[in-house]
């Protein structure tokens, strides 16, 4: 099953899409990677969904990526004595660690000492996705006296955001560690880490994962933007988590931040997913708004590797229709001549190393020869990713002897992953590439193809070979 587009679709599974038949329909409609959101559902729920994905993978004969999305720390206020309270602008509200005493309109517990450890006068706290905004006047190790900037209703266990402050807090909770162990035991392909503030957060989870999955850094904190290049370098892929990012930063800044993150990832050659509320109205309606269609198209024009559906496919009334609509928007956008002009104009200079030099050369050689496809023979996926970085005008066949690599490449722009046997020399590699181009219906006998690989074949990350061959 060949996708007639380059950008990929990530579809979240949930109550509306747990049935194996629906998951199959989502894949057929265009989903390339399925997201298991561990903020919701039990381990058994996710296990059943993953088994259904692997069964569909066997039936369709195509590698499918699975992304485990960790919940991350959830910072919340405590409870109230008599139900919800109203806090008025310019009123005072005390926050403290005393969770045993129910809250009132004048004080409430905030059982997170790490927040108080990082607060300073002038800092702001956002409660309930920013509906209530507080400014810190005085604070200590166990309290904060605040002024209400934006008033509203407060109720039990509402979430708290602390924009502009790097919290002395691990990105992984005990729940996340248990979820991660469980997901790795199932064989997930990607792990998305929430609450990333700095590159060290990525290194912490990398030690645990130990190569068993790719690591996606979810950028949802302003502190992460301040360390953007270091985080992109440390991660294997990045997710632009616009919902949480839009809570802690002014909404008008999110579009430019999205473009900045996509540019940084494209420069580094790391897959980037644009996520949150892309077709939000399709949770309840069979068609999106024109603004939502434009939002998806904008991410494609910018060169994002993937766009993601959240509630639309997890709990919405029209999960399959949402995937079909996203597939249609991507396909139409990529057929626009301006799309190719925009992609070519937005190239960044490659690094001065063999892998990037070969990826750069493949793009130009394939264009000059009118090749129907470029082939990246890869063990780790590195050759295919460096080729995808260049956004060539031809499809990329990511040929690999490792099923885990084929599944992981389902997230990468323009890559059609194909599982093949381990080759022993360049002659066999060329023959296998030629047969695959014919068998996958990418080209015809007599056409020239461009192949990249690394020698020796069994060593990952050694892209050092470019070969032009004729399909036979």
Protein backbone atom coordinates (compact mmCIF):
# COMPACT_ATOMS: atom_id res chain seq x y z
CA UNK A 1 0.00 0.00 0.00
CA UNK A 2 1.73 3.11 -1.24
CA UNK A 3 0.81 6.56 0.09
CA UNK A 4 0.66 9.18 -2.64
CA UNK A 5 2.01 11.87 -0.32
CA UNK A 6 5.16 12.65 1.65
CA UNK A 7 3.93 13.95 5.01
CA UNK A 8 2.68 11.32 7.44
CA UNK A 9 -0.42 11.08 9.63
CA UNK A 10 -0.35 10.19 13.34
CA UNK A 11 -3.76 9.05 14.65
CA UNK A 12 -4.50 8.75 18.38
CA UNK A 13 -6.45 5.68 19.46
CA UNK A 14 -9.12 5.84 22.15
CA UNK A 15 -12.69 4.84 22.97
CA UNK A 16 -13.92 5.75 19.47
CA UNK A 17 -11.20 3.75 17.75
CA UNK A 18 -10.40 0.71 19.87
CA UNK A 19 -12.20 -1.85 17.73
CA UNK A 20 -9.73 -3.69 15.45
CA UNK A 21 -12.03 -3.11 12.47
CA UNK A 22 -11.92 0.66 13.07
CA UNK A 23 -8.13 0.62 13.50
CA UNK A 24 -7.90 -1.17 10.16
CA UNK A 25 -10.12 1.46 8.55
CA UNK A 26 -7.95 4.22 10.02
CA UNK A 27 -4.85 2.65 8.49
CA UNK A 28 -6.53 2.19 5.13
CA UNK A 29 -7.73 5.80 5.27
CA UNK A 30 -4.16 7.03 5.68
CA UNK A 31 -2.87 6.66 9.27
CA UNK A 32 0.86 5.84 9.22
CA UNK A 33 1.56 5.91 12.97
CA UNK A 34 -0.82 5.17 15.84
CA UNK A 35 -0.49 7.08 19.12
CA UNK A 36 -1.28 5.40 22.43
CA UNK A 37 -2.01 8.19 24.91
CA UNK A 38 -1.06 6.93 28.38
CA UNK A 39 -2.80 9.89 30.01
CA UNK A 40 -5.97 7.84 29.48
CA UNK A 41 -6.86 4.16 29.48
CA UNK A 42 -5.45 1.13 31.26
CA UNK A 43 -2.44 -0.97 30.37
CA UNK A 44 -4.81 -3.68 29.16
CA UNK A 45 -6.57 -1.19 26.86
CA UNK A 46 -3.29 -0.18 25.25
CA UNK A 47 -2.09 -3.77 25.00
CA UNK A 48 -5.20 -4.77 23.07
CA UNK A 49 -4.87 -1.80 20.73
CA UNK A 50 -1.23 -2.59 20.03
CA UNK A 51 -2.01 -6.23 19.30
CA UNK A 52 -4.71 -5.07 16.88
CA UNK A 53 -2.19 -2.78 15.14
CA UNK A 54 0.31 -5.62 14.73
CA UNK A 55 -2.39 -7.90 13.32
CA UNK A 56 -3.31 -5.23 10.75
CA UNK A 57 0.38 -4.81 9.94
CA UNK A 58 0.55 -8.52 9.12
CA UNK A 59 -2.64 -8.42 7.05
CA UNK A 60 -1.67 -5.34 5.02
CA UNK A 61 1.98 -6.24 4.65
CA UNK A 62 3.14 -2.75 5.63
CA UNK A 63 5.17 -1.62 8.67
CA UNK A 64 3.13 0.56 11.06
CA UNK A 65 4.63 2.82 13.70
CA UNK A 66 3.34 2.94 17.29
CA UNK A 67 3.94 6.00 19.47
CA UNK A 68 3.63 5.75 23.26
CA UNK A 69 2.82 9.20 24.68
CA UNK A 70 3.74 9.53 28.37
CA UNK A 71 1.54 11.67 30.59
CA UNK A 72 4.30 13.58 32.38
CA UNK A 73 3.96 15.51 35.65
CA UNK A 74 0.54 16.98 36.36
CA UNK A 75 0.67 19.99 38.67
CA UNK A 76 -2.66 20.67 40.39
CA UNK A 77 -4.14 22.73 43.21
CA UNK A 78 -5.89 20.96 46.10
CA UNK A 79 -9.57 20.73 46.98
CA UNK A 80 -12.10 23.23 48.34
CA UNK A 81 -14.24 22.99 51.46
CA UNK A 82 -17.57 23.97 49.92
CA UNK A 83 -17.21 23.31 46.21
CA UNK A 84 -16.11 25.78 43.51
CA UNK A 85 -15.18 29.33 44.55
CA UNK A 86 -15.03 32.64 42.73
CA UNK A 87 -11.81 34.66 42.86
CA UNK A 88 -12.03 38.27 41.74
CA UNK A 89 -9.39 40.31 39.95
CA UNK A 90 -7.08 42.18 42.35
CA UNK A 91 -8.05 39.89 45.24
CA UNK A 92 -5.33 38.03 47.16
CA UNK A 93 -4.94 34.25 47.12
CA UNK A 94 -2.49 32.33 49.26
CA UNK A 95 -1.01 29.05 48.07
CA UNK A 96 0.67 26.64 50.47
CA UNK A 97 1.64 23.01 51.01
CA UNK A 98 -1.06 22.16 53.55
CA UNK A 99 -3.17 19.68 51.57
CA UNK A 100 -5.01 18.57 54.72
CA UNK A 101 -6.88 21.88 55.01
CA UNK A 102 -9.59 22.38 52.34
CA UNK A 103 -9.37 25.55 50.29
CA UNK A 104 -11.41 28.75 50.33
CA UNK A 105 -11.60 31.83 48.12
CA UNK A 106 -8.62 33.21 50.11
CA UNK A 107 -6.25 30.20 50.14
CA UNK A 108 -5.79 26.77 48.63
CA UNK A 109 -3.14 24.11 48.78
CA UNK A 110 -0.58 23.62 46.03
CA UNK A 111 1.08 20.32 47.04
CA UNK A 112 4.18 20.76 44.88
CA UNK A 113 7.25 21.97 46.84
CA UNK A 114 9.24 22.10 43.61
CA UNK A 115 7.05 24.98 42.41
CA UNK A 116 7.69 27.02 45.56
CA UNK A 117 11.41 26.26 45.24
CA UNK A 118 11.47 27.93 41.81
CA UNK A 119 9.08 30.85 42.38
CA UNK A 120 10.20 34.46 42.70
CA UNK A 121 8.17 37.65 43.17
CA UNK A 122 6.72 38.69 39.83
CA UNK A 123 6.31 35.13 38.54
CA UNK A 124 2.91 34.14 37.18
CA UNK A 125 0.85 31.00 37.75
CA UNK A 126 -1.92 29.91 35.41
CA UNK A 127 -4.76 27.75 36.72
CA UNK A 128 -7.28 25.76 34.66
CA UNK A 129 -5.53 26.26 31.29
CA UNK A 130 -4.97 29.95 32.00
CA UNK A 131 -8.56 30.85 32.86
CA UNK A 132 -7.30 32.19 36.20
CA UNK A 133 -3.99 34.05 36.27
CA UNK A 134 -2.06 34.84 39.46
CA UNK A 135 1.01 37.03 40.06
CA UNK A 136 3.36 36.20 42.95
CA UNK A 137 3.88 39.06 45.41
CA UNK A 138 5.80 37.23 48.15
CA UNK A 139 6.91 33.61 48.42
CA UNK A 140 8.94 31.16 50.43
CA UNK A 141 9.79 27.47 50.52
CA UNK A 142 6.24 26.50 51.47
CA UNK A 143 3.96 29.36 50.46
CA UNK A 144 3.19 32.08 47.92
CA UNK A 145 1.08 35.18 48.39
CA UNK A 146 -0.45 36.11 45.04
CA UNK A 147 -2.61 38.77 43.42
CA UNK A 148 -5.37 37.59 41.08
CA UNK A 149 -4.71 39.13 37.66
CA UNK A 150 -7.56 37.41 35.83
CA UNK A 151 -10.41 36.22 38.05
CA UNK A 152 -12.73 33.29 37.57
CA UNK A 153 -13.95 30.03 39.07
CA UNK A 154 -11.64 27.63 40.89
CA UNK A 155 -12.60 24.05 41.67
CA UNK A 156 -10.95 20.87 42.93
CA UNK A 157 -7.70 19.65 41.38
CA UNK A 158 -7.45 22.16 38.54
CA UNK A 159 -4.17 22.13 36.65
CA UNK A 160 -1.39 24.66 37.27
CA UNK A 161 1.12 26.03 34.77
CA UNK A 162 4.17 28.09 35.69
CA UNK A 163 5.31 29.86 32.50
CA UNK A 164 8.82 31.22 32.25
CA UNK A 165 10.11 29.13 35.17
CA UNK A 166 12.33 26.05 34.89
CA UNK A 167 11.03 23.73 37.59
CA UNK A 168 13.44 21.43 39.46
CA UNK A 169 11.35 18.49 38.39
CA UNK A 170 12.00 15.33 36.38
CA UNK A 171 10.00 15.03 33.17
CA UNK A 172 9.10 11.48 34.25
CA UNK A 173 6.91 10.52 37.18
CA UNK A 174 6.62 7.09 38.80
CA UNK A 175 3.58 6.44 36.62
CA UNK A 176 5.57 7.38 33.52
CA UNK A 177 8.34 4.95 34.43
CA UNK A 178 5.85 2.12 34.89
CA UNK A 179 4.09 3.03 31.64
CA UNK A 180 7.42 3.22 29.82
CA UNK A 181 8.51 -0.22 31.04
CA UNK A 182 5.16 -1.65 29.99
CA UNK A 183 5.23 -0.01 26.56
CA UNK A 184 8.78 -1.12 25.84
CA UNK A 185 7.83 -4.68 26.78
CA UNK A 186 5.09 -4.49 24.14
CA UNK A 187 7.53 -3.25 21.52
CA UNK A 188 6.42 0.34 20.84
CA UNK A 189 8.50 2.18 18.22
CA UNK A 190 8.48 5.73 19.56
CA UNK A 191 8.15 7.22 23.06
CA UNK A 192 6.94 10.81 23.45
CA UNK A 193 8.23 12.56 26.56
CA UNK A 194 6.02 15.28 28.04
CA UNK A 195 7.14 18.26 30.16
CA UNK A 196 10.53 18.57 28.46
CA UNK A 197 12.35 21.65 29.80
CA UNK A 198 15.97 20.96 28.86
CA UNK A 199 18.14 18.52 26.92
CA UNK A 200 19.02 16.65 30.14
CA UNK A 201 15.40 15.42 30.28
CA UNK A 202 15.99 13.56 27.01
CA UNK A 203 19.21 12.01 28.26
CA UNK A 204 17.40 10.70 31.34
CA UNK A 205 14.83 8.75 29.33
CA UNK A 206 17.42 7.68 26.74
CA UNK A 207 19.32 5.77 29.40
CA UNK A 208 16.16 3.82 30.23
CA UNK A 209 15.03 3.22 26.65
CA UNK A 210 18.54 2.09 25.65
CA UNK A 211 17.86 2.03 21.91
CA UNK A 212 14.61 0.07 22.09
CA UNK A 213 12.55 2.98 20.71
CA UNK A 214 12.98 6.44 19.24
CA UNK A 215 12.47 9.38 21.60
CA UNK A 216 10.10 12.24 20.73
CA UNK A 217 10.51 15.47 22.69
CA UNK A 218 7.16 17.18 23.22
CA UNK A 219 7.72 20.92 23.17
CA UNK A 220 5.02 22.39 25.39
CA UNK A 221 7.01 24.54 27.85
CA UNK A 222 8.52 27.99 27.19
CA UNK A 223 11.73 26.78 28.84
CA UNK A 224 12.06 24.18 26.08
CA UNK A 225 11.97 26.89 23.42
CA UNK A 226 14.88 28.62 25.15
CA UNK A 227 16.87 25.36 24.76
CA UNK A 228 15.41 24.43 21.37
CA UNK A 229 18.56 23.56 19.46
CA UNK A 230 19.99 21.46 22.31
CA UNK A 231 16.72 19.55 22.72
CA UNK A 232 16.40 18.91 18.98
CA UNK A 233 19.96 17.61 18.95
CA UNK A 234 19.30 15.30 21.94
CA UNK A 235 15.97 13.88 20.71
CA UNK A 236 15.24 11.55 17.79
CA UNK A 237 12.10 13.50 16.84
CA UNK A 238 10.06 16.46 18.10
CA UNK A 239 6.36 17.15 18.63
CA UNK A 240 4.99 20.70 18.55
CA UNK A 241 2.43 20.33 21.36
CA UNK A 242 0.52 23.49 20.55
CA UNK A 243 -2.24 23.05 23.13
CA UNK A 244 -0.03 23.22 26.22
CA UNK A 245 2.36 25.64 24.55
CA UNK A 246 -0.57 27.97 23.90
CA UNK A 247 -1.53 27.92 27.59
CA UNK A 248 1.84 29.13 28.83
CA UNK A 249 2.58 31.52 25.98
CA UNK A 250 0.39 34.14 24.27
CA UNK A 251 -1.66 32.54 21.50
CA UNK A 252 -0.30 34.95 18.92
CA UNK A 253 3.23 33.61 19.49
CA UNK A 254 2.37 29.97 18.77
CA UNK A 255 2.31 30.15 14.92
CA UNK A 256 5.78 31.69 14.73
CA UNK A 257 7.08 29.22 17.32
CA UNK A 258 5.67 26.36 15.26
CA UNK A 259 7.56 27.58 12.21
CA UNK A 260 10.74 28.05 14.24
CA UNK A 261 10.55 24.51 15.64
CA UNK A 262 9.85 22.98 12.22
CA UNK A 263 12.81 24.87 10.72
CA UNK A 264 15.11 23.70 13.53
CA UNK A 265 14.07 20.07 13.05
CA UNK A 266 14.42 20.22 9.27
CA UNK A 267 17.89 21.71 9.64
CA UNK A 268 18.88 18.92 12.02
CA UNK A 269 17.19 16.21 9.93
CA UNK A 270 14.94 15.13 12.82
CA UNK A 271 11.26 14.20 12.18
CA UNK A 272 8.83 16.83 13.49
CA UNK A 273 5.12 16.31 14.28
CA UNK A 274 2.68 19.22 14.42
CA UNK A 275 -0.07 18.36 16.90
CA UNK A 276 -3.20 19.49 18.76
CA UNK A 277 -6.58 20.72 17.53
CA UNK A 278 -5.73 20.37 13.85
CA UNK A 279 -9.24 19.25 12.87
CA UNK A 280 -10.88 19.88 16.25
CA UNK A 281 -14.39 20.53 14.91
CA UNK A 282 -14.43 16.98 13.47
CA UNK A 283 -14.81 15.67 17.01
CA UNK A 284 -18.50 16.42 16.52
CA UNK A 285 -18.87 17.35 12.84
CA UNK A 286 -18.23 15.32 9.65
CA UNK A 287 -16.24 18.15 8.02
CA UNK A 288 -13.63 20.61 9.36
CA UNK A 289 -13.73 24.36 9.28
CA UNK A 290 -11.88 26.12 6.47
CA UNK A 291 -9.49 27.54 9.06
CA UNK A 292 -8.62 24.02 10.26
CA UNK A 293 -7.95 22.84 6.70
CA UNK A 294 -5.69 25.85 6.25
CA UNK A 295 -3.91 25.02 9.53
CA UNK A 296 -3.06 21.51 8.34
CA UNK A 297 -1.92 22.85 4.96
CA UNK A 298 0.33 25.42 6.62
CA UNK A 299 2.21 22.67 8.48
CA UNK A 300 2.64 20.81 5.18
CA UNK A 301 3.89 23.92 3.34
CA UNK A 302 6.43 24.38 6.14
CA UNK A 303 7.73 20.84 5.53
CA UNK A 304 6.57 19.07 8.71
CA UNK A 305 7.15 15.31 8.68
CA UNK A 306 3.77 14.51 10.21
CA UNK A 307 0.52 16.01 11.43
CA UNK A 308 -1.43 14.49 14.29
CA UNK A 309 -5.05 13.81 15.21
CA UNK A 310 -5.87 13.69 18.93
CA UNK A 311 -9.49 13.73 20.12
CA UNK A 312 -10.62 13.68 16.48
CA UNK A 313 -9.64 10.02 16.12
CA UNK A 314 -9.57 8.99 19.80
CA UNK A 315 -12.99 10.07 21.04
CA UNK A 316 -14.69 11.90 18.18
CA UNK A 317 -17.77 10.84 16.26
CA UNK A 318 -15.95 10.71 12.90
CA UNK A 319 -12.48 9.14 13.40
CA UNK A 320 -12.16 7.56 9.95
CA UNK A 321 -13.51 10.66 8.21
CA UNK A 322 -10.97 12.79 10.09
CA UNK A 323 -8.07 10.66 8.79
CA UNK A 324 -9.49 10.73 5.26
CA UNK A 325 -9.84 14.51 5.44
CA UNK A 326 -6.28 14.96 6.67
CA UNK A 327 -5.02 12.64 3.92
CA UNK A 328 -6.94 14.67 1.35
CA UNK A 329 -5.62 18.02 2.61
CA UNK A 330 -2.02 16.78 2.58
CA UNK A 331 -2.33 15.27 -0.89
CA UNK A 332 -3.90 18.41 -2.35
CA UNK A 333 -1.34 20.68 -0.69
CA UNK A 334 1.61 18.64 -1.93
CA UNK A 335 0.24 18.77 -5.49
CA UNK A 336 0.37 22.58 -5.43
CA UNK A 337 3.37 23.88 -7.47
CA UNK A 338 3.91 26.49 -4.75
CA UNK A 339 4.48 23.65 -2.25
CA UNK A 340 7.53 22.42 -4.17
CA UNK A 341 8.82 25.98 -4.52
CA UNK A 342 8.41 26.54 -0.78
CA UNK A 343 10.15 23.30 0.13
CA UNK A 344 13.07 23.96 -2.21
CA UNK A 345 13.41 27.55 -0.99
CA UNK A 346 13.49 26.51 2.65
CA UNK A 347 16.43 24.12 2.41
CA UNK A 348 19.17 24.69 4.95
CA UNK A 349 22.82 23.94 4.31
CA UNK A 350 23.84 20.33 5.05
CA UNK A 351 26.55 19.46 7.53
CA UNK A 352 30.04 18.87 6.21
CA UNK A 353 29.98 15.09 6.67
CA UNK A 354 29.58 12.07 4.40
CA UNK A 355 25.94 11.30 5.25
CA UNK A 356 24.69 14.82 4.53
CA UNK A 357 26.87 15.15 1.44
CA UNK A 358 25.33 11.98 0.03
CA UNK A 359 21.80 13.04 0.95
CA UNK A 360 22.41 16.38 -0.75
CA UNK A 361 23.83 14.66 -3.83
CA UNK A 362 20.94 12.16 -4.03
CA UNK A 363 18.40 14.99 -4.27
CA UNK A 364 20.23 16.63 -7.18
CA UNK A 365 21.19 13.43 -9.00
CA UNK A 366 17.64 12.03 -8.80
CA UNK A 367 16.25 15.30 -10.18
CA UNK A 368 18.80 15.51 -12.98
CA UNK A 369 18.27 11.91 -14.11
CA UNK A 370 14.49 11.96 -13.69
CA UNK A 371 14.72 8.97 -11.37
CA UNK A 372 11.38 7.50 -10.24
CA UNK A 373 12.71 6.90 -6.72
CA UNK A 374 15.68 7.17 -4.42
CA UNK A 375 16.63 4.14 -2.34
CA UNK A 376 18.18 4.31 1.11
CA UNK A 377 19.52 0.94 2.21
CA UNK A 378 19.73 1.31 5.98
CA UNK A 379 20.08 -0.76 9.13
CA UNK A 380 19.39 1.96 11.70
CA UNK A 381 17.31 4.29 9.50
CA UNK A 382 20.06 6.91 9.44
CA UNK A 383 20.58 6.88 5.65
CA UNK A 384 16.86 7.30 5.03
CA UNK A 385 16.54 10.16 7.54
CA UNK A 386 19.50 12.06 6.06
CA UNK A 387 17.95 11.62 2.63
CA UNK A 388 14.55 12.76 3.90
CA UNK A 389 16.20 15.86 5.37
CA UNK A 390 16.86 17.04 1.82
CA UNK A 391 13.17 16.72 0.83
CA UNK A 392 13.88 15.24 -2.65
CA UNK A 393 11.24 15.51 -5.36
CA UNK A 394 11.09 11.71 -5.69
CA UNK A 395 9.82 9.06 -3.24
CA UNK A 396 12.32 7.50 -0.83
CA UNK A 397 12.38 3.74 -0.43
CA UNK A 398 13.78 3.01 3.01
CA UNK A 399 15.00 -0.57 2.65
CA UNK A 400 16.04 -2.24 5.87
CA UNK A 401 16.57 -5.75 7.26
CA UNK A 402 15.24 -4.63 10.66
CA UNK A 403 11.49 -4.55 11.29
CA UNK A 404 11.96 -2.08 14.16
CA UNK A 405 13.68 0.35 11.78
CA UNK A 406 10.95 -0.04 9.15
CA UNK A 407 8.30 0.75 11.75
CA UNK A 408 10.20 3.76 13.04
CA UNK A 409 10.60 5.16 9.51
CA UNK A 410 6.80 5.27 9.19
CA UNK A 411 7.10 8.70 10.83
CA UNK A 412 9.66 10.14 8.41
CA UNK A 413 8.76 12.49 5.55
CA UNK A 414 8.60 10.83 2.15
CA UNK A 415 9.92 7.43 3.29
CA UNK A 416 8.19 4.26 2.10
CA UNK A 417 9.75 1.65 4.39
CA UNK A 418 10.33 -1.85 3.00
CA UNK A 419 11.58 -4.86 4.95
CA UNK A 420 14.28 -6.81 3.11
CA UNK A 421 16.95 -9.39 3.92
CA UNK A 422 20.50 -8.50 4.93
CA UNK A 423 22.66 -7.98 1.83
CA UNK A 424 26.33 -8.87 1.72
CA UNK A 425 27.74 -6.70 -1.06
CA UNK A 426 26.97 -3.79 -3.39
CA UNK A 427 25.94 -6.08 -6.25
CA UNK A 428 23.28 -7.79 -4.15
CA UNK A 429 22.16 -4.44 -2.73
CA UNK A 430 21.61 -3.12 -6.25
CA UNK A 431 19.67 -6.20 -7.30
CA UNK A 432 17.43 -6.04 -4.24
CA UNK A 433 16.83 -2.31 -4.75
CA UNK A 434 15.92 -2.87 -8.40
CA UNK A 435 13.47 -5.68 -7.58
CA UNK A 436 11.90 -3.59 -4.82
CA UNK A 437 11.37 -0.56 -7.07
CA UNK A 438 9.59 -2.83 -9.55
CA UNK A 439 7.67 -4.82 -6.96
CA UNK A 440 6.46 -1.74 -5.06
CA UNK A 441 5.51 -0.13 -8.40
CA UNK A 442 7.74 2.91 -8.04
CA UNK A 443 9.49 2.51 -11.38
CA UNK A 444 9.87 0.52 -14.56
CA UNK A 445 12.67 -1.50 -16.15
CA UNK A 446 15.27 0.68 -17.81
CA UNK A 447 14.85 3.68 -15.49
CA UNK A 448 17.72 4.94 -13.39
CA UNK A 449 17.51 4.94 -9.59
CA UNK A 450 19.81 6.48 -6.99
CA UNK A 451 20.88 4.37 -4.01
CA UNK A 452 22.57 5.42 -0.77
CA UNK A 453 23.99 3.05 1.81
CA UNK A 454 26.72 2.63 4.40
CA UNK A 455 29.66 0.29 4.18
CA UNK A 456 30.13 -2.05 5.91
CA UNK A 457 26.43 -2.89 5.70
CA UNK A 458 26.00 -4.14 9.26
CA UNK A 459 27.36 -0.99 10.93
CA UNK A 460 24.75 1.68 11.75
CA UNK A 461 25.27 5.34 10.95
CA UNK A 462 27.96 4.91 8.28
CA UNK A 463 26.29 6.41 5.19
CA UNK A 464 29.17 6.71 2.74
CA UNK A 465 28.00 5.28 -0.60
CA UNK A 466 26.01 6.68 -3.53
CA UNK A 467 25.26 4.44 -6.50
CA UNK A 468 23.34 5.03 -9.73
CA UNK A 469 21.76 1.86 -11.10
CA UNK A 470 19.36 0.85 -13.82
CA UNK A 471 16.15 -0.95 -12.89
CA UNK A 472 16.19 -4.46 -14.36
